[in-house]
Amino acid sequence: MCKEEQKTIAIVINTTWNIFNFRLGLLKALQHEGYRVIAIAPSDAYVQRLEDEGIECFDIQMNNKGTNPIEDIRLIFDFYRLYKKCSPDVILQYTIKPNIYGSFAAGLLGIPVISNISGLGTVFLNDSFSSKVARFLYRVALKVPKKVFFQNSHDKALLVSLHLVKEKKADVVAGSGIDTQKFAPRIRERLSRKRSFLFIGRLIKDKGLIEYIEAARELSKEHAAVFYVLGGYYANNPSSIEQKQMQMWEREGVVTYLGETDEVAEVIASVDCVVLPSYREGLSRVLLEAASMAKPLVTTRVPGCQEVVEDGITGYLCQARSSDALAMAMKNIIALSSSECIAMGQRGREKMKQEFDEKKVILKYKEALSEIFQHQS
């Protein structure tokens, strides 16, 4: 693509951290194709890292969990002013507020949009008034994008069946994909000589943290195993776990809390099994990373988790919201010999390479962009 024809692609997400950690491979690939890539998100410590990669960043104030209608109307105007200023040729939008309010702004300006529904979350886990409003807003906003990517087939089928998005512009991608070279098996000092389990995720009930704690409490009575938790507190979420509760679990001796880290792969490398008993995901990045590092998985039989695991082959699936079912699945891991545990993890890595490599996701985006630009010419 020659300089005078260079197209600008804007990526819009609710945190700069998200862009750097989950979408950088896509953005670098688009740069390699000759596109000018800009990022629009609330500024944080990762702005400099993106700028070091040649990605210009634009700040936008966004209350990710707020439901104040005045704030949201202001956000539409903020998106409008920023999109008009940056004048992108195509906008890639992720997370609920960009997908809704960013689409309204892009529609007013006539800028093509590709949306990615990275998970339905609490909007579709309950039937509250705010959830009904959000579904209505989705119905209106999703008329704007030229393409809507989903991270699992269940989410796509649900929104199509609810007439929130048209079948012809809906497609499924493997989340953000996984860089299987970056997330490769590595040898690290083990956190424990006992069989070790690691929960990774935001510290909220919807991730199945309560069930994990209850299963750990039960298993610790009978089995030589240890249980870790890695992740940040998530204030203002209705299902958040408070710090004092985690401290009580630690004092009880049920789990060890490892805090937060940017070096998640280092922690994954030091345990035997990664556990995510989530109630629903778009497509769990945690599970992709752990499987790519050849770790067996235990997770729930729900959209966004079950796609990653072949039950009994690369890990174990169990019923959601059941600590008993989770404990039974974790017992299966404990019962494996060391060689069986390693072999299960290796089969999981092969599955990641064959089905979830980020190159497949990048190709889908390239194809969608080409289609948009062909229609414009």
Protein backbone atom coordinates (compact mmCIF):
# COMPACT_ATOMS: atom_id res chain seq x y z
CA MET A 1 0.00 0.00 0.00
CA CYS A 2 1.73 3.21 -1.10
CA LYS A 3 1.90 6.22 1.24
CA GLU A 4 -0.73 8.35 -0.49
CA GLU A 5 -3.19 5.46 -0.35
CA GLN A 6 -2.47 4.59 3.25
CA LYS A 7 -5.64 3.79 5.17
CA THR A 8 -6.11 4.50 8.86
CA ILE A 9 -7.49 1.78 11.11
CA ALA A 10 -8.66 2.74 14.61
CA ILE A 11 -8.95 0.17 17.38
CA VAL A 12 -11.31 1.14 20.19
CA ILE A 13 -11.48 -0.73 23.52
CA ASN A 14 -12.26 0.16 27.13
CA THR A 15 -8.60 -0.04 28.32
CA THR A 16 -5.22 0.54 26.70
CA TRP A 17 -3.99 -2.43 28.77
CA ASN A 18 -6.43 -4.65 26.82
CA ILE A 19 -5.11 -3.42 23.47
CA PHE A 20 -1.48 -4.03 24.37
CA ASN A 21 -1.96 -7.44 25.99
CA PHE A 22 -4.58 -8.98 23.69
CA ARG A 23 -4.59 -7.14 20.34
CA LEU A 24 -1.00 -6.13 19.68
CA GLY A 25 -0.41 -9.06 17.33
CA LEU A 26 -3.35 -7.95 15.17
CA LEU A 27 -2.21 -4.32 15.14
CA LYS A 28 1.36 -5.21 14.19
CA ALA A 29 0.03 -7.40 11.36
CA LEU A 30 -2.11 -4.51 10.09
CA GLN A 31 0.90 -2.19 10.23
CA HIS A 32 2.85 -4.75 8.22
CA GLU A 33 0.06 -4.63 5.61
CA GLY A 34 0.67 -0.88 5.27
CA TYR A 35 -2.17 0.46 7.37
CA ARG A 36 -1.75 3.38 9.77
CA VAL A 37 -3.01 2.07 13.11
CA ILE A 38 -4.29 4.27 15.94
CA ALA A 39 -5.66 3.32 19.35
CA ILE A 40 -8.58 4.97 21.13
CA ALA A 41 -9.04 4.05 24.79
CA PRO A 42 -8.81 5.53 28.28
CA SER A 43 -5.15 6.30 28.91
CA ASP A 44 -3.19 4.16 31.33
CA ALA A 45 0.37 2.94 31.86
CA TYR A 46 0.32 1.04 28.56
CA VAL A 47 0.03 4.11 26.32
CA GLN A 48 3.80 4.48 26.13
CA ARG A 49 4.22 0.79 25.26
CA LEU A 50 1.79 1.15 22.34
CA GLU A 51 3.47 4.33 21.16
CA ASP A 52 6.81 2.50 21.26
CA GLU A 53 5.24 0.09 18.75
CA GLY A 54 4.37 2.98 16.43
CA ILE A 55 0.70 3.14 17.42
CA GLU A 56 -0.62 6.65 18.06
CA CYS A 57 -2.93 6.76 21.09
CA PHE A 58 -5.94 8.97 21.76
CA ASP A 59 -7.50 9.26 25.20
CA ILE A 60 -11.23 9.00 25.81
CA GLN A 61 -12.91 9.07 29.20
CA MET A 62 -15.07 5.99 29.67
CA ASN A 63 -16.74 4.67 32.83
CA ASN A 64 -16.66 0.99 31.96
CA LYS A 65 -19.17 -0.11 34.57
CA GLY A 66 -21.28 3.03 34.87
CA THR A 67 -24.90 3.17 33.72
CA ASN A 68 -25.48 6.90 34.06
CA PRO A 69 -27.47 7.95 30.95
CA ILE A 70 -26.01 11.47 30.98
CA GLU A 71 -22.48 10.02 31.00
CA ASP A 72 -23.38 7.69 28.16
CA ILE A 73 -24.88 10.46 26.03
CA ARG A 74 -21.73 12.50 26.62
CA LEU A 75 -19.69 9.46 25.58
CA ILE A 76 -21.47 9.38 22.20
CA PHE A 77 -20.45 13.00 21.59
CA ASP A 78 -16.91 12.27 22.77
CA PHE A 79 -16.66 9.38 20.32
CA TYR A 80 -18.13 11.59 17.58
CA ARG A 81 -15.59 14.39 18.13
CA LEU A 82 -12.68 11.98 18.33
CA TYR A 83 -13.71 9.95 15.28
CA LYS A 84 -14.19 13.16 13.31
CA LYS A 85 -10.77 14.43 14.43
CA CYS A 86 -8.91 11.19 13.68
CA SER A 87 -10.90 10.43 10.52
CA PRO A 88 -10.23 6.66 10.43
CA ASP A 89 -11.17 4.74 7.32
CA VAL A 90 -12.40 1.78 9.39
CA ILE A 91 -13.00 1.39 13.13
CA LEU A 92 -12.44 -1.89 15.00
CA GLN A 93 -14.52 -1.83 18.18
CA TYR A 94 -14.46 -4.12 21.22
CA THR A 95 -16.26 -4.23 24.59
CA ILE A 96 -19.79 -3.08 25.28
CA LYS A 97 -19.52 0.73 25.39
CA PRO A 98 -17.47 1.16 22.20
CA ASN A 99 -19.69 -1.41 20.48
CA ILE A 100 -22.81 0.57 21.40
CA TYR A 101 -21.93 4.25 21.76
CA GLY A 102 -18.98 4.17 19.38
CA SER A 103 -21.25 2.64 16.74
CA PHE A 104 -23.79 5.45 17.17
CA ALA A 105 -21.02 8.01 16.58
CA ALA A 106 -19.51 6.13 13.63
CA GLY A 107 -22.95 5.76 12.06
CA LEU A 108 -23.49 9.53 12.20
CA LEU A 109 -20.14 10.05 10.46
CA GLY A 110 -20.57 7.25 7.93
CA ILE A 111 -17.38 5.46 9.02
CA PRO A 112 -17.38 1.66 8.47
CA VAL A 113 -17.19 -0.40 11.65
CA ILE A 114 -16.14 -3.95 12.50
CA SER A 115 -17.44 -4.91 15.93
CA ASN A 116 -16.23 -7.73 18.13
CA ILE A 117 -18.59 -9.06 20.82
CA SER A 118 -15.97 -10.40 23.20
CA GLY A 119 -18.52 -11.73 25.69
CA LEU A 120 -22.12 -11.18 26.72
CA GLY A 121 -21.42 -11.07 30.44
CA THR A 122 -24.01 -9.93 32.96
CA VAL A 123 -26.09 -8.29 30.22
CA PHE A 124 -27.28 -11.75 29.22
CA LEU A 125 -26.86 -13.55 32.56
CA ASN A 126 -29.84 -11.78 34.15
CA ASP A 127 -33.07 -10.03 33.20
CA SER A 128 -32.71 -6.79 35.13
CA PHE A 129 -33.94 -3.45 33.81
CA SER A 130 -30.40 -2.34 32.93
CA SER A 131 -29.85 -5.60 31.02
CA LYS A 132 -33.05 -5.04 29.02
CA VAL A 133 -31.90 -1.52 28.19
CA ALA A 134 -28.48 -2.84 27.12
CA ARG A 135 -30.06 -5.44 24.83
CA PHE A 136 -32.22 -2.72 23.24
CA LEU A 137 -29.14 -0.58 22.68
CA TYR A 138 -27.34 -3.54 21.13
CA ARG A 139 -30.24 -4.03 18.72
CA VAL A 140 -29.96 -0.43 17.51
CA ALA A 141 -26.16 -0.14 17.55
CA LEU A 142 -25.45 -3.39 15.72
CA LYS A 143 -27.22 -2.07 12.65
CA VAL A 144 -24.12 0.07 12.03
CA PRO A 145 -21.20 -2.40 11.70
CA LYS A 146 -20.39 -4.00 8.37
CA LYS A 147 -19.18 -7.09 10.22
CA VAL A 148 -19.83 -8.39 13.73
CA PHE A 149 -17.39 -10.97 15.08
CA PHE A 150 -18.31 -13.23 17.97
CA GLN A 151 -15.89 -15.30 20.00
CA ASN A 152 -18.07 -18.39 20.18
CA SER A 153 -20.92 -19.84 18.13
CA HIS A 154 -23.38 -19.77 21.06
CA ASP A 155 -23.17 -15.98 21.42
CA LYS A 156 -23.59 -15.54 17.69
CA ALA A 157 -26.63 -17.84 17.55
CA LEU A 158 -28.22 -16.10 20.55
CA LEU A 159 -27.94 -12.57 19.16
CA VAL A 160 -29.10 -13.69 15.72
CA SER A 161 -32.11 -15.49 17.26
CA LEU A 162 -32.98 -12.36 19.27
CA HIS A 163 -32.76 -10.31 16.04
CA LEU A 164 -30.02 -8.14 17.53
CA VAL A 165 -27.74 -8.75 14.54
CA LYS A 166 -28.30 -10.04 11.01
CA GLU A 167 -26.95 -13.49 10.21
CA LYS A 168 -25.25 -12.33 7.00
CA LYS A 169 -22.83 -10.01 8.79
CA ALA A 170 -22.16 -12.22 11.83
CA ASP A 171 -19.10 -14.46 12.02
CA VAL A 172 -17.04 -16.29 14.65
CA VAL A 173 -13.34 -15.77 15.39
CA ALA A 174 -11.16 -17.56 17.93
CA GLY A 175 -11.20 -14.69 20.43
CA SER A 176 -8.07 -12.63 20.06
CA GLY A 177 -6.26 -15.84 19.18
CA ILE A 178 -3.12 -16.97 20.93
CA ASP A 179 0.53 -16.44 20.06
CA THR A 180 1.66 -20.04 20.51
CA GLN A 181 5.32 -19.03 20.32
CA LYS A 182 5.00 -16.48 23.11
CA PHE A 183 2.86 -18.82 25.21
CA ALA A 184 4.98 -21.93 24.87
CA PRO A 185 5.88 -24.53 27.49
CA ARG A 186 8.69 -23.43 29.76
CA ILE A 187 10.50 -24.84 32.75
CA ARG A 188 10.12 -22.84 35.94
CA GLU A 189 10.56 -23.61 39.61
CA ARG A 190 7.32 -25.12 40.87
CA LEU A 191 5.30 -23.25 43.48
CA SER A 192 4.74 -26.56 45.31
CA ARG A 193 5.78 -30.19 45.16
CA LYS A 194 2.13 -31.12 45.62
CA ARG A 195 -0.34 -31.16 42.70
CA SER A 196 -1.07 -27.47 42.21
CA PHE A 197 -4.12 -25.66 40.86
CA LEU A 198 -4.31 -22.02 39.74
CA PHE A 199 -7.40 -19.85 39.32
CA ILE A 200 -6.72 -16.85 37.08
CA GLY A 201 -9.28 -14.12 36.58
CA ARG A 202 -10.90 -11.01 37.94
CA LEU A 203 -11.98 -11.61 41.50
CA ILE A 204 -15.72 -11.74 40.87
CA LYS A 205 -18.34 -14.39 41.54
CA ASP A 206 -19.25 -14.71 37.84
CA LYS A 207 -15.80 -16.23 37.23
CA GLY A 208 -16.73 -19.09 39.58
CA LEU A 209 -14.35 -18.01 42.33
CA ILE A 210 -16.72 -19.04 45.13
CA GLU A 211 -17.06 -22.54 43.65
CA TYR A 212 -13.27 -22.75 43.33
CA ILE A 213 -12.82 -21.85 47.00
CA GLU A 214 -15.45 -24.38 48.09
CA ALA A 215 -13.91 -27.12 45.94
CA ALA A 216 -10.44 -26.29 47.31
CA ARG A 217 -11.77 -26.45 50.86
CA GLU A 218 -13.24 -29.90 50.21
CA LEU A 219 -10.22 -31.31 48.37
CA SER A 220 -7.72 -30.05 50.91
CA LYS A 221 -9.29 -32.37 53.50
CA GLU A 222 -8.40 -35.50 51.58
CA HIS A 223 -5.77 -34.83 48.95
CA ALA A 224 -2.20 -33.60 48.75
CA ALA A 225 -2.91 -30.54 46.61
CA VAL A 226 -2.50 -26.78 46.85
CA PHE A 227 -4.64 -23.99 45.44
CA TYR A 228 -3.67 -20.55 44.19
CA VAL A 229 -5.57 -17.45 43.04
CA LEU A 230 -4.14 -14.87 40.65
CA GLY A 231 -6.05 -11.76 39.64
CA GLY A 232 -7.16 -8.27 40.56
CA TYR A 233 -10.05 -6.96 42.59
CA TYR A 234 -12.82 -5.49 40.47
CA ALA A 235 -14.55 -2.72 42.41
CA ASN A 236 -18.03 -1.58 41.34
CA ASN A 237 -18.86 -4.94 39.78
CA PRO A 238 -22.03 -6.35 41.38
CA SER A 239 -20.38 -9.74 41.90
CA SER A 240 -16.99 -8.50 43.10
CA ILE A 241 -15.07 -10.20 45.92
CA GLU A 242 -13.74 -7.85 48.59
CA GLN A 243 -10.17 -7.92 49.81
CA LYS A 244 -11.19 -8.80 53.37
CA GLN A 245 -12.95 -11.92 52.08
CA MET A 246 -9.81 -13.08 50.27
CA GLN A 247 -7.79 -12.44 53.42
CA MET A 248 -10.23 -14.62 55.40
CA TRP A 249 -9.77 -17.48 52.91
CA GLU A 250 -6.02 -17.14 53.20
CA ARG A 251 -6.13 -17.20 56.99
CA GLU A 252 -8.30 -20.31 56.77
CA GLY A 253 -5.54 -21.92 54.70
CA VAL A 254 -7.81 -22.73 51.74
CA VAL A 255 -5.90 -20.81 49.07
CA THR A 256 -2.84 -18.66 48.55
CA TYR A 257 -3.51 -15.32 46.88
CA LEU A 258 -0.74 -14.32 44.46
CA GLY A 259 -1.98 -10.81 43.70
CA GLU A 260 -1.69 -9.37 40.19
CA THR A 261 1.12 -9.58 37.65
CA ASP A 262 1.98 -8.70 34.08
CA GLU A 263 3.99 -11.94 33.92
CA VAL A 264 1.05 -14.34 33.97
CA ALA A 265 2.92 -16.90 31.86
CA GLU A 266 5.59 -17.20 34.54
CA VAL A 267 2.97 -18.16 37.11
CA ILE A 268 1.21 -20.59 34.75
CA ALA A 269 4.53 -22.31 34.13
CA SER A 270 4.96 -22.99 37.86
CA VAL A 271 1.70 -24.95 38.44
CA ASP A 272 0.16 -28.22 37.23
CA CYS A 273 -3.36 -27.17 36.21
CA VAL A 274 -5.31 -23.98 35.49
CA VAL A 275 -8.93 -23.77 36.66
CA LEU A 276 -11.65 -21.38 35.45
CA PRO A 277 -15.18 -22.27 36.67
CA SER A 278 -16.72 -19.26 34.88
CA TYR A 279 -20.47 -18.85 34.34
CA ARG A 280 -19.92 -17.61 30.78
CA GLU A 281 -17.13 -16.17 28.62
CA GLY A 282 -16.68 -14.77 25.14
CA LEU A 283 -13.66 -17.01 24.68
CA SER A 284 -11.47 -17.33 27.73
CA ARG A 285 -8.02 -15.86 27.12
CA VAL A 286 -6.80 -17.46 30.35
CA LEU A 287 -7.65 -20.93 29.09
CA LEU A 288 -6.03 -20.29 25.72
CA GLU A 289 -2.80 -19.11 27.33
CA ALA A 290 -2.65 -22.02 29.77
CA ALA A 291 -3.42 -24.64 27.12
CA SER A 292 -0.84 -23.12 24.77
CA MET A 293 1.67 -23.56 27.59
CA ALA A 294 0.73 -27.25 27.76
CA LYS A 295 -1.19 -27.11 31.01
CA PRO A 296 -4.26 -29.30 31.59
CA LEU A 297 -7.45 -27.32 32.19
CA VAL A 298 -10.51 -27.63 34.38
CA THR A 299 -13.40 -25.43 33.33
CA THR A 300 -17.16 -25.30 32.98
CA ARG A 301 -19.40 -26.58 30.23
CA VAL A 302 -20.51 -23.08 29.16
CA PRO A 303 -20.02 -20.91 26.07
CA GLY A 304 -16.55 -19.45 25.87
CA CYS A 305 -14.97 -22.18 28.00
CA GLN A 306 -16.13 -25.52 26.60
CA GLU A 307 -14.76 -24.70 23.14
CA VAL A 308 -11.22 -24.70 24.51
CA VAL A 309 -11.28 -28.12 26.20
CA GLU A 310 -11.79 -31.64 24.91
CA ASP A 311 -13.23 -33.35 27.96
CA GLY A 312 -10.95 -36.08 29.26
CA ILE A 313 -8.35 -35.36 26.56
CA THR A 314 -6.97 -31.86 27.18
CA GLY A 315 -8.67 -31.28 30.53
CA TYR A 316 -12.02 -31.74 32.22
CA LEU A 317 -15.37 -30.00 31.85
CA CYS A 318 -17.90 -29.72 34.66
CA GLN A 319 -21.26 -28.19 35.43
CA ALA A 320 -21.21 -24.45 36.14
CA ARG A 321 -22.16 -23.08 39.57
CA SER A 322 -21.49 -26.44 41.24
CA SER A 323 -18.57 -26.76 43.65
CA ASP A 324 -19.21 -30.51 43.89
CA ALA A 325 -18.89 -30.96 40.12
CA LEU A 326 -15.80 -28.78 40.10
CA ALA A 327 -14.20 -30.75 42.92
CA MET A 328 -14.84 -34.00 41.05
CA ALA A 329 -13.16 -32.64 37.90
CA MET A 330 -10.18 -31.47 39.95
CA LYS A 331 -9.99 -34.91 41.59
CA ASN A 332 -9.55 -36.33 38.10
CA ILE A 333 -6.46 -34.16 37.67
CA ILE A 334 -5.11 -35.24 41.06
CA ALA A 335 -5.58 -38.90 40.07
CA LEU A 336 -3.35 -38.52 37.00
CA SER A 337 0.26 -39.59 37.13
CA SER A 338 2.86 -36.94 36.34
CA SER A 339 3.36 -38.36 32.84
CA GLU A 340 -0.40 -38.46 32.19
CA CYS A 341 -0.73 -34.86 33.36
CA ILE A 342 2.08 -33.76 31.03
CA ALA A 343 0.58 -35.68 28.08
CA MET A 344 -2.83 -34.07 28.66
CA GLY A 345 -1.23 -30.63 28.58
CA GLN A 346 0.68 -31.43 25.40
CA ARG A 347 -2.56 -32.47 23.68
CA GLY A 348 -4.03 -29.13 24.72
CA ARG A 349 -1.14 -27.25 23.15
CA GLU A 350 -1.63 -29.10 19.86
CA LYS A 351 -5.29 -28.08 19.92
CA MET A 352 -4.27 -24.43 20.37
CA LYS A 353 -1.86 -24.59 17.45
CA GLN A 354 -4.44 -26.20 15.17
CA GLU A 355 -7.56 -24.20 16.11
CA PHE A 356 -6.75 -21.01 18.04
CA ASP A 357 -3.52 -19.58 16.64
CA GLU A 358 -3.83 -15.79 16.38
CA LYS A 359 -2.83 -15.97 12.70
CA LYS A 360 -6.33 -17.32 11.99
CA VAL A 361 -7.93 -14.32 13.73
CA ILE A 362 -5.69 -11.87 11.90
CA LEU A 363 -6.64 -13.43 8.56
CA LYS A 364 -10.35 -12.93 9.32
CA TYR A 365 -9.77 -9.24 10.00
CA LYS A 366 -7.70 -8.79 6.86
CA GLU A 367 -10.46 -10.39 4.80
CA ALA A 368 -13.14 -8.18 6.41
CA LEU A 369 -11.09 -5.02 5.76
CA SER A 370 -10.45 -6.01 2.15
CA GLU A 371 -14.18 -6.55 1.62
CA ILE A 372 -15.00 -3.11 3.03
CA PHE A 373 -12.42 -1.34 0.89
CA GLN A 374 -13.48 -3.25 -2.24
CA HIS A 375 -17.05 -2.02 -1.77
CA GLN A 376 -15.78 1.54 -1.39
CA SER A 377 -13.75 1.47 -4.62
